[in-house]
């Protein structure tokens, strides 16, 4: 499902026009992104959590140059669905 299709579905469910629904969907996505940039998790009860996972520093190999490189520690955004969501998907 694309963002446009999601906005169309939200518009049909709520009775607002599609342009307003698209603005709302984009607003929610921007709010989640801004929260994760500030390293604050987003908890949506009954749906799941958007969290940051910390990746430790590690050494890797550049095969073409036959050298080792160090990949610094960094955060990765992740989604963890709630238990009800997981049971409905399975």
N, C-alpha and C. Protein backbone atom coordinates (compact mmCIF):
# COMPACT_ATOMS: atom_id res chain seq x y z
N UNK A 1 0.85 -1.17 0.00
CA UNK A 1 0.00 0.00 0.00
C UNK A 1 0.90 1.24 0.00
N UNK A 2 0.60 2.16 -0.87
CA UNK A 2 1.37 3.39 -0.95
C UNK A 2 0.75 4.46 -0.05
N UNK A 3 1.45 5.57 0.10
CA UNK A 3 0.95 6.65 0.93
C UNK A 3 -0.35 7.20 0.34
N UNK A 4 -0.43 7.28 -0.96
CA UNK A 4 -1.64 7.78 -1.63
C UNK A 4 -2.82 6.84 -1.39
N UNK A 5 -2.58 5.53 -1.47
CA UNK A 5 -3.63 4.55 -1.22
C UNK A 5 -4.08 4.60 0.24
N UNK A 6 -3.13 4.80 1.15
CA UNK A 6 -3.47 4.92 2.56
C UNK A 6 -4.34 6.16 2.80
N UNK A 7 -3.98 7.26 2.17
CA UNK A 7 -4.77 8.48 2.31
C UNK A 7 -6.18 8.28 1.76
N UNK A 8 -6.29 7.57 0.65
CA UNK A 8 -7.60 7.30 0.05
C UNK A 8 -8.46 6.45 1.00
N UNK A 9 -7.84 5.46 1.63
CA UNK A 9 -8.56 4.60 2.56
C UNK A 9 -8.99 5.37 3.81
N UNK A 10 -8.10 6.23 4.33
CA UNK A 10 -8.44 7.06 5.48
C UNK A 10 -9.58 8.01 5.13
N UNK A 11 -9.54 8.57 3.94
CA UNK A 11 -10.60 9.48 3.50
C UNK A 11 -11.94 8.75 3.43
N UNK A 12 -11.94 7.53 2.93
CA UNK A 12 -13.17 6.75 2.84
C UNK A 12 -13.70 6.38 4.23
N UNK A 13 -12.80 6.08 5.16
CA UNK A 13 -13.21 5.67 6.51
C UNK A 13 -13.71 6.84 7.35
N UNK A 14 -13.14 8.02 7.13
CA UNK A 14 -13.48 9.16 7.98
C UNK A 14 -14.48 10.12 7.35
N UNK A 15 -14.62 10.07 6.05
CA UNK A 15 -15.57 10.95 5.38
C UNK A 15 -14.99 12.32 5.01
N UNK A 16 -13.67 12.50 5.18
CA UNK A 16 -13.04 13.75 4.75
C UNK A 16 -12.54 13.59 3.33
N UNK A 17 -12.21 14.71 2.70
CA UNK A 17 -11.72 14.59 1.32
C UNK A 17 -10.30 14.01 1.32
N UNK A 18 -9.88 13.51 0.16
CA UNK A 18 -8.62 12.80 0.06
C UNK A 18 -7.42 13.72 0.31
N UNK A 19 -7.50 14.97 -0.09
CA UNK A 19 -6.40 15.90 0.12
C UNK A 19 -6.16 16.14 1.61
N UNK A 20 -7.24 16.27 2.37
CA UNK A 20 -7.11 16.45 3.82
C UNK A 20 -6.53 15.21 4.47
N UNK A 21 -6.98 14.05 4.03
CA UNK A 21 -6.47 12.79 4.57
C UNK A 21 -4.99 12.64 4.27
N UNK A 22 -4.55 13.05 3.07
CA UNK A 22 -3.14 12.97 2.71
C UNK A 22 -2.30 13.88 3.59
N UNK A 23 -2.81 15.07 3.88
CA UNK A 23 -2.10 15.99 4.78
C UNK A 23 -1.99 15.38 6.17
N UNK A 24 -3.03 14.73 6.64
CA UNK A 24 -3.01 14.08 7.96
C UNK A 24 -2.01 12.93 8.00
N UNK A 25 -2.00 12.10 6.97
CA UNK A 25 -1.07 10.97 6.91
C UNK A 25 0.37 11.50 6.90
N UNK A 26 0.64 12.52 6.09
CA UNK A 26 1.98 13.09 6.04
C UNK A 26 2.35 13.73 7.37
N UNK A 27 1.39 14.33 8.05
CA UNK A 27 1.64 14.93 9.35
C UNK A 27 2.01 13.89 10.39
N UNK A 28 1.32 12.77 10.40
CA UNK A 28 1.64 11.69 11.34
C UNK A 28 3.03 11.14 11.06
N UNK A 29 3.35 10.95 9.78
CA UNK A 29 4.66 10.43 9.43
C UNK A 29 5.76 11.41 9.84
N UNK A 30 5.54 12.70 9.64
CA UNK A 30 6.53 13.71 10.02
C UNK A 30 6.70 13.77 11.53
N UNK A 31 5.61 13.63 12.27
CA UNK A 31 5.69 13.65 13.73
C UNK A 31 6.48 12.45 14.26
N UNK A 32 6.26 11.28 13.67
CA UNK A 32 7.01 10.09 14.08
C UNK A 32 8.48 10.26 13.75
N UNK A 33 8.77 10.77 12.56
CA UNK A 33 10.16 10.97 12.16
C UNK A 33 10.86 11.98 13.07
N UNK A 34 10.20 13.09 13.38
CA UNK A 34 10.78 14.11 14.25
C UNK A 34 11.04 13.56 15.65
N UNK A 35 10.13 12.76 16.14
CA UNK A 35 10.30 12.18 17.46
C UNK A 35 11.51 11.24 17.50
N UNK A 36 11.67 10.42 16.46
CA UNK A 36 12.81 9.50 16.41
C UNK A 36 14.12 10.25 16.21
N UNK A 37 14.10 11.35 15.49
CA UNK A 37 15.30 12.17 15.33
C UNK A 37 15.74 12.71 16.69
N UNK A 38 14.79 13.04 17.55
CA UNK A 38 15.09 13.52 18.89
C UNK A 38 15.32 12.36 19.87
N UNK A 39 15.40 11.15 19.33
CA UNK A 39 15.64 9.92 20.09
C UNK A 39 14.56 9.64 21.13
N UNK A 40 13.32 9.96 20.78
CA UNK A 40 12.17 9.66 21.63
C UNK A 40 11.32 8.60 20.93
N UNK A 41 11.07 7.46 21.56
CA UNK A 41 10.23 6.44 20.93
C UNK A 41 8.77 6.88 20.83
N UNK A 42 8.04 6.30 19.89
CA UNK A 42 6.62 6.60 19.69
C UNK A 42 5.84 5.33 19.99
N UNK A 43 4.94 5.40 20.98
CA UNK A 43 4.13 4.25 21.37
C UNK A 43 2.69 4.48 20.92
N UNK A 44 2.19 3.61 20.07
CA UNK A 44 0.81 3.67 19.60
C UNK A 44 0.08 2.45 20.14
N UNK A 45 -0.69 2.66 21.21
CA UNK A 45 -1.37 1.56 21.88
C UNK A 45 -2.29 0.82 20.90
N UNK A 46 -2.19 -0.49 20.89
CA UNK A 46 -3.01 -1.32 20.01
C UNK A 46 -2.42 -1.47 18.62
N UNK A 47 -1.28 -0.82 18.34
CA UNK A 47 -0.65 -0.92 17.03
C UNK A 47 0.80 -1.36 17.16
N UNK A 48 1.62 -0.57 17.85
CA UNK A 48 3.02 -0.93 18.02
C UNK A 48 3.85 0.27 18.42
N UNK A 49 5.16 0.09 18.38
CA UNK A 49 6.08 1.14 18.80
C UNK A 49 7.12 1.39 17.72
N UNK A 50 7.42 2.65 17.51
CA UNK A 50 8.54 3.04 16.66
C UNK A 50 9.68 3.38 17.61
N UNK A 51 10.78 2.64 17.51
CA UNK A 51 11.88 2.79 18.44
C UNK A 51 13.19 2.93 17.68
N UNK A 52 14.23 3.30 18.39
CA UNK A 52 15.58 3.33 17.84
C UNK A 52 16.36 2.16 18.41
N UNK A 53 17.03 1.43 17.55
CA UNK A 53 17.91 0.36 17.99
C UNK A 53 19.35 0.83 17.80
N UNK A 54 20.15 0.63 18.82
CA UNK A 54 21.54 1.06 18.79
C UNK A 54 22.41 -0.04 18.21
N UNK A 55 23.15 0.27 17.18
CA UNK A 55 24.10 -0.66 16.59
C UNK A 55 25.49 -0.30 17.09
N UNK A 56 26.21 -1.26 17.61
CA UNK A 56 27.54 -1.03 18.16
C UNK A 56 28.56 -0.84 17.04
N UNK A 57 29.69 -0.25 17.40
CA UNK A 57 30.77 -0.09 16.44
C UNK A 57 31.29 -1.47 16.07
N UNK A 58 31.65 -1.63 14.79
CA UNK A 58 32.16 -2.93 14.36
C UNK A 58 33.19 -2.74 13.26
N UNK A 59 33.98 -3.75 13.06
CA UNK A 59 34.95 -3.72 11.96
C UNK A 59 34.39 -4.56 10.82
N UNK A 60 34.63 -4.07 9.62
CA UNK A 60 34.15 -4.75 8.43
C UNK A 60 35.30 -4.84 7.44
N UNK A 61 35.08 -5.54 6.38
CA UNK A 61 36.13 -5.75 5.39
C UNK A 61 35.72 -5.18 4.05
N UNK A 62 36.61 -4.40 3.44
CA UNK A 62 36.42 -3.95 2.07
C UNK A 62 37.12 -4.97 1.18
N UNK A 63 36.33 -5.82 0.55
CA UNK A 63 36.89 -6.95 -0.18
C UNK A 63 37.70 -6.50 -1.39
N UNK A 64 37.25 -5.46 -2.09
CA UNK A 64 37.94 -5.04 -3.30
C UNK A 64 39.34 -4.48 -3.01
N UNK A 65 39.51 -3.79 -1.87
CA UNK A 65 40.81 -3.22 -1.52
C UNK A 65 41.55 -4.07 -0.49
N UNK A 66 40.91 -5.10 0.01
CA UNK A 66 41.47 -5.99 1.02
C UNK A 66 41.94 -5.22 2.26
N UNK A 67 41.08 -4.35 2.75
CA UNK A 67 41.38 -3.56 3.94
C UNK A 67 40.25 -3.70 4.94
N UNK A 68 40.54 -3.37 6.17
CA UNK A 68 39.49 -3.37 7.18
C UNK A 68 39.07 -1.93 7.43
N UNK A 69 37.78 -1.75 7.68
CA UNK A 69 37.24 -0.44 7.98
C UNK A 69 36.43 -0.55 9.27
N UNK A 70 36.29 0.56 9.95
CA UNK A 70 35.51 0.60 11.18
C UNK A 70 34.20 1.31 10.89
N UNK A 71 33.11 0.63 11.17
CA UNK A 71 31.78 1.23 11.03
C UNK A 71 31.40 1.77 12.40
N UNK A 72 31.17 3.08 12.51
CA UNK A 72 30.89 3.65 13.82
C UNK A 72 29.53 3.21 14.36
N UNK A 73 29.35 3.37 15.67
CA UNK A 73 28.06 3.06 16.29
C UNK A 73 27.00 4.01 15.75
N UNK A 74 25.80 3.50 15.55
CA UNK A 74 24.73 4.33 14.99
C UNK A 74 23.37 3.78 15.41
N UNK A 75 22.35 4.60 15.23
CA UNK A 75 20.97 4.21 15.54
C UNK A 75 20.25 3.78 14.27
N UNK A 76 19.37 2.80 14.42
CA UNK A 76 18.54 2.32 13.32
C UNK A 76 17.08 2.43 13.76
N UNK A 77 16.21 3.08 12.98
CA UNK A 77 14.79 3.10 13.34
C UNK A 77 14.18 1.71 13.13
N UNK A 78 13.28 1.34 14.03
CA UNK A 78 12.64 0.02 13.95
C UNK A 78 11.20 0.13 14.40
N UNK A 79 10.40 -0.83 13.96
CA UNK A 79 9.00 -0.91 14.37
C UNK A 79 8.79 -2.23 15.10
N UNK A 80 8.17 -2.16 16.26
CA UNK A 80 7.86 -3.36 17.03
C UNK A 80 6.34 -3.43 17.20
N UNK A 81 5.67 -4.35 16.50
CA UNK A 81 4.21 -4.45 16.62
C UNK A 81 3.78 -4.95 17.99
N UNK A 82 2.57 -4.57 18.40
CA UNK A 82 2.04 -5.04 19.68
C UNK A 82 1.59 -6.50 19.54
N UNK A 83 1.32 -7.14 20.65
CA UNK A 83 0.96 -8.56 20.65
C UNK A 83 -0.33 -8.83 19.88
N UNK A 84 -1.34 -7.95 20.05
CA UNK A 84 -2.60 -8.14 19.34
C UNK A 84 -2.39 -8.07 17.83
N UNK A 85 -1.57 -7.13 17.41
CA UNK A 85 -1.26 -6.96 15.99
C UNK A 85 -0.57 -8.22 15.46
N UNK A 86 0.38 -8.74 16.21
CA UNK A 86 1.10 -9.94 15.77
C UNK A 86 0.17 -11.14 15.63
N UNK A 87 -0.76 -11.31 16.57
CA UNK A 87 -1.66 -12.46 16.48
C UNK A 87 -2.64 -12.33 15.32
N UNK A 88 -3.01 -11.11 14.95
CA UNK A 88 -3.92 -10.91 13.83
C UNK A 88 -3.22 -11.14 12.50
N UNK A 89 -1.94 -10.85 12.42
CA UNK A 89 -1.21 -11.01 11.16
C UNK A 89 -0.87 -12.47 10.91
N UNK A 90 -0.60 -13.24 11.96
CA UNK A 90 -0.21 -14.65 11.78
C UNK A 90 -1.31 -15.46 11.30
